[in-house]
Amino acid sequence: MLEILRCTVNGRPVEVAYDPRESLADTLRQRLGLTSVKKGCDVGECGACTVLVDGKAITSCIYLTAWAEGKSILTVEGLQGENGELSPIQKAFVEEAAVQCGFCTPGIIMSAVEIVGTGRTYTRDELRKLISGHLCRCTGYENILNALERAVNEANGK
């Protein structure tokens, strides 16, 4: 028996049917077509499925869809500007060459949105810890950390 989820996704009200056993990652990808939400490990270990729920980064593969009732969900698709332009965080990732295969990138970018949104300045070690739940097999993390530092500094006017 299907349930109906009522929430906001990327700033738009959504009503979608889902199986009560379904993860938010599955609902976002399969029912709403939001393919930036990647399914990597399916056990909350790799961070590829990270989205924001009410402004907090969560691993959507271990978050039941039912828990999203009435909440606001943000995915990478919701970051683009009115005319399709990249967000400042996405631009920082491009400018710092912080992407290679791109599989982990949407999840890391969503964590970066939460990090930048705090308005705080972080040391490189603090940023490293903040993204420790994300696995990247390509970049060695240095360019990702460069992009995070850049995004945080730009957001804080530095």
Protein backbone atom coordinates (compact mmCIF):
# COMPACT_ATOMS: atom_id res chain seq x y z
CA MET A 1 0.00 0.00 0.00
CA LEU A 2 1.41 3.37 -1.01
CA GLU A 3 1.53 6.46 1.18
CA ILE A 4 1.55 10.11 0.05
CA LEU A 5 4.46 12.38 0.95
CA ARG A 6 3.71 16.08 1.16
CA CYS A 7 6.79 18.25 1.44
CA THR A 8 8.80 20.90 -0.37
CA VAL A 9 11.54 19.81 -2.76
CA ASN A 10 13.87 22.44 -4.18
CA GLY A 11 11.45 25.19 -3.22
CA ARG A 12 8.37 23.59 -4.79
CA PRO A 13 5.49 21.84 -3.03
CA VAL A 14 5.43 18.13 -3.82
CA GLU A 15 2.93 15.33 -3.35
CA VAL A 16 4.26 11.93 -4.33
CA ALA A 17 3.21 8.35 -3.66
CA TYR A 18 5.82 6.10 -2.06
CA ASP A 19 6.22 2.71 -0.44
CA PRO A 20 6.42 3.13 3.38
CA ARG A 21 9.66 1.08 3.38
CA GLU A 22 11.28 3.36 0.81
CA SER A 23 14.33 5.52 1.46
CA LEU A 24 14.29 9.20 0.63
CA ALA A 25 17.10 8.55 -1.87
CA ASP A 26 14.86 6.14 -3.79
CA THR A 27 11.91 8.53 -3.74
CA LEU A 28 14.01 11.46 -4.94
CA ARG A 29 15.73 9.49 -7.71
CA GLN A 30 13.06 7.10 -8.92
CA ARG A 31 9.82 8.96 -8.28
CA LEU A 32 10.93 12.58 -8.69
CA GLY A 33 13.77 12.10 -11.22
CA LEU A 34 16.36 13.98 -9.14
CA THR A 35 19.41 12.07 -10.31
CA SER A 36 21.97 14.21 -8.50
CA VAL A 37 21.11 12.01 -5.51
CA LYS A 38 23.51 9.10 -6.03
CA LYS A 39 23.17 5.66 -4.50
CA GLY A 40 26.61 4.45 -3.59
CA CYS A 41 26.67 2.21 -0.53
CA ASP A 42 23.00 2.15 0.56
CA VAL A 43 24.11 2.04 4.22
CA GLY A 44 24.96 5.70 4.95
CA GLU A 45 28.73 5.33 4.69
CA CYS A 46 29.77 7.05 1.44
CA GLY A 47 27.83 10.35 1.45
CA ALA A 48 26.91 10.21 -2.25
CA CYS A 49 23.20 10.50 -1.42
CA THR A 50 23.54 13.56 0.82
CA VAL A 51 20.72 16.10 0.61
CA LEU A 52 19.56 18.85 2.95
CA VAL A 53 16.43 18.27 5.00
CA ASP A 54 15.34 21.46 6.73
CA GLY A 55 18.86 22.80 6.17
CA LYS A 56 20.69 19.82 7.67
CA ALA A 57 22.82 17.45 5.57
CA ILE A 58 21.57 13.86 5.82
CA THR A 59 22.39 10.61 4.06
CA SER A 60 19.13 9.99 2.25
CA CYS A 61 19.76 6.27 1.67
CA ILE A 62 19.11 5.56 5.36
CA TYR A 63 16.43 8.23 5.86
CA LEU A 64 12.92 6.95 5.35
CA THR A 65 10.72 8.93 3.00
CA ALA A 66 8.02 9.04 5.68
CA TRP A 67 10.34 11.11 7.89
CA ALA A 68 10.35 13.87 5.25
CA GLU A 69 6.64 14.64 5.69
CA GLY A 70 6.18 18.42 5.85
CA LYS A 71 9.90 19.10 5.56
CA SER A 72 11.94 21.11 3.07
CA ILE A 73 14.37 19.09 0.96
CA LEU A 74 17.16 20.55 -1.14
CA THR A 75 19.15 18.69 -3.79
CA VAL A 76 21.79 19.91 -6.23
CA GLU A 77 19.03 20.50 -8.78
CA GLY A 78 17.68 23.18 -6.46
CA LEU A 79 20.92 25.15 -6.32
CA GLN A 80 20.87 26.63 -9.80
CA GLY A 81 19.89 30.22 -10.30
CA GLU A 82 16.85 31.52 -12.19
CA ASN A 83 18.62 31.31 -15.52
CA GLY A 84 20.35 28.00 -14.83
CA GLU A 85 23.57 29.56 -13.55
CA LEU A 86 25.68 27.65 -11.05
CA SER A 87 25.61 28.51 -7.37
CA PRO A 88 28.76 30.06 -5.85
CA ILE A 89 29.60 26.70 -4.26
CA GLN A 90 29.29 24.88 -7.58
CA LYS A 91 31.45 27.56 -9.23
CA ALA A 92 34.12 27.08 -6.54
CA PHE A 93 34.17 23.34 -7.27
CA VAL A 94 34.58 23.98 -11.00
CA GLU A 95 37.23 26.70 -10.54
CA GLU A 96 39.26 24.56 -8.11
CA ALA A 97 38.97 21.44 -10.31
CA ALA A 98 37.36 19.60 -7.39
CA VAL A 99 35.58 17.08 -9.60
CA GLN A 100 36.77 14.13 -11.57
CA CYS A 101 34.32 11.30 -12.10
CA GLY A 102 31.64 13.38 -10.34
CA PHE A 103 29.92 10.56 -8.46
CA CYS A 104 30.64 11.97 -5.00
CA THR A 105 30.37 15.62 -6.03
CA PRO A 106 26.62 16.25 -5.50
CA GLY A 107 26.75 14.88 -1.94
CA ILE A 108 29.85 16.88 -1.06
CA ILE A 109 28.32 20.01 -2.56
CA MET A 110 25.22 19.55 -0.41
CA SER A 111 27.38 19.24 2.70
CA ALA A 112 29.21 22.36 1.52
CA VAL A 113 25.87 24.21 1.36
CA GLU A 114 25.31 23.37 5.03
CA ILE A 115 28.90 24.31 5.94
CA VAL A 116 28.81 27.64 4.11
CA GLY A 117 25.36 28.35 5.52
CA THR A 118 26.71 28.46 9.06
CA GLY A 119 28.51 31.73 8.29
CA ARG A 120 31.56 30.45 10.17
CA THR A 121 35.16 30.32 9.05
CA TYR A 122 36.84 26.94 9.36
CA THR A 123 40.39 25.67 9.41
CA ARG A 124 41.39 23.14 6.79
CA ASP A 125 41.41 20.42 9.45
CA GLU A 126 37.88 21.37 10.53
CA LEU A 127 36.70 21.21 6.90
CA ARG A 128 38.40 17.83 6.51
CA LYS A 129 36.44 16.53 9.52
CA LEU A 130 33.19 18.06 8.27
CA ILE A 131 33.42 16.14 4.99
CA SER A 132 34.79 12.95 6.53
CA GLY A 133 31.51 11.16 5.77
CA HIS A 134 32.14 11.48 2.03
CA LEU A 135 34.16 8.98 0.06
CA CYS A 136 35.94 10.12 -3.11
CA ARG A 137 38.01 7.63 -5.06
CA CYS A 138 39.44 10.11 -7.58
CA THR A 139 40.62 13.42 -6.19
CA GLY A 140 42.56 12.80 -2.99
CA TYR A 141 40.37 15.52 -1.41
CA GLU A 142 42.88 18.39 -1.79
CA ASN A 143 40.97 20.19 -4.56
CA ILE A 144 37.70 19.50 -2.73
CA LEU A 145 39.14 21.16 0.37
CA ASN A 146 40.41 24.05 -1.79
CA ALA A 147 36.89 24.50 -3.18
CA LEU A 148 35.36 24.37 0.31
CA GLU A 149 37.83 26.95 1.61
CA ARG A 150 37.13 29.17 -1.38
CA ALA A 151 33.34 28.89 -0.98
CA VAL A 152 33.50 29.60 2.77
CA ASN A 153 35.84 32.57 2.29
CA GLU A 154 33.75 34.05 -0.55
CA ALA A 155 30.56 33.67 1.50
CA ASN A 156 32.26 35.44 4.41
CA GLY A 157 33.55 38.28 2.19
CA LYS A 158 37.20 37.26 2.31
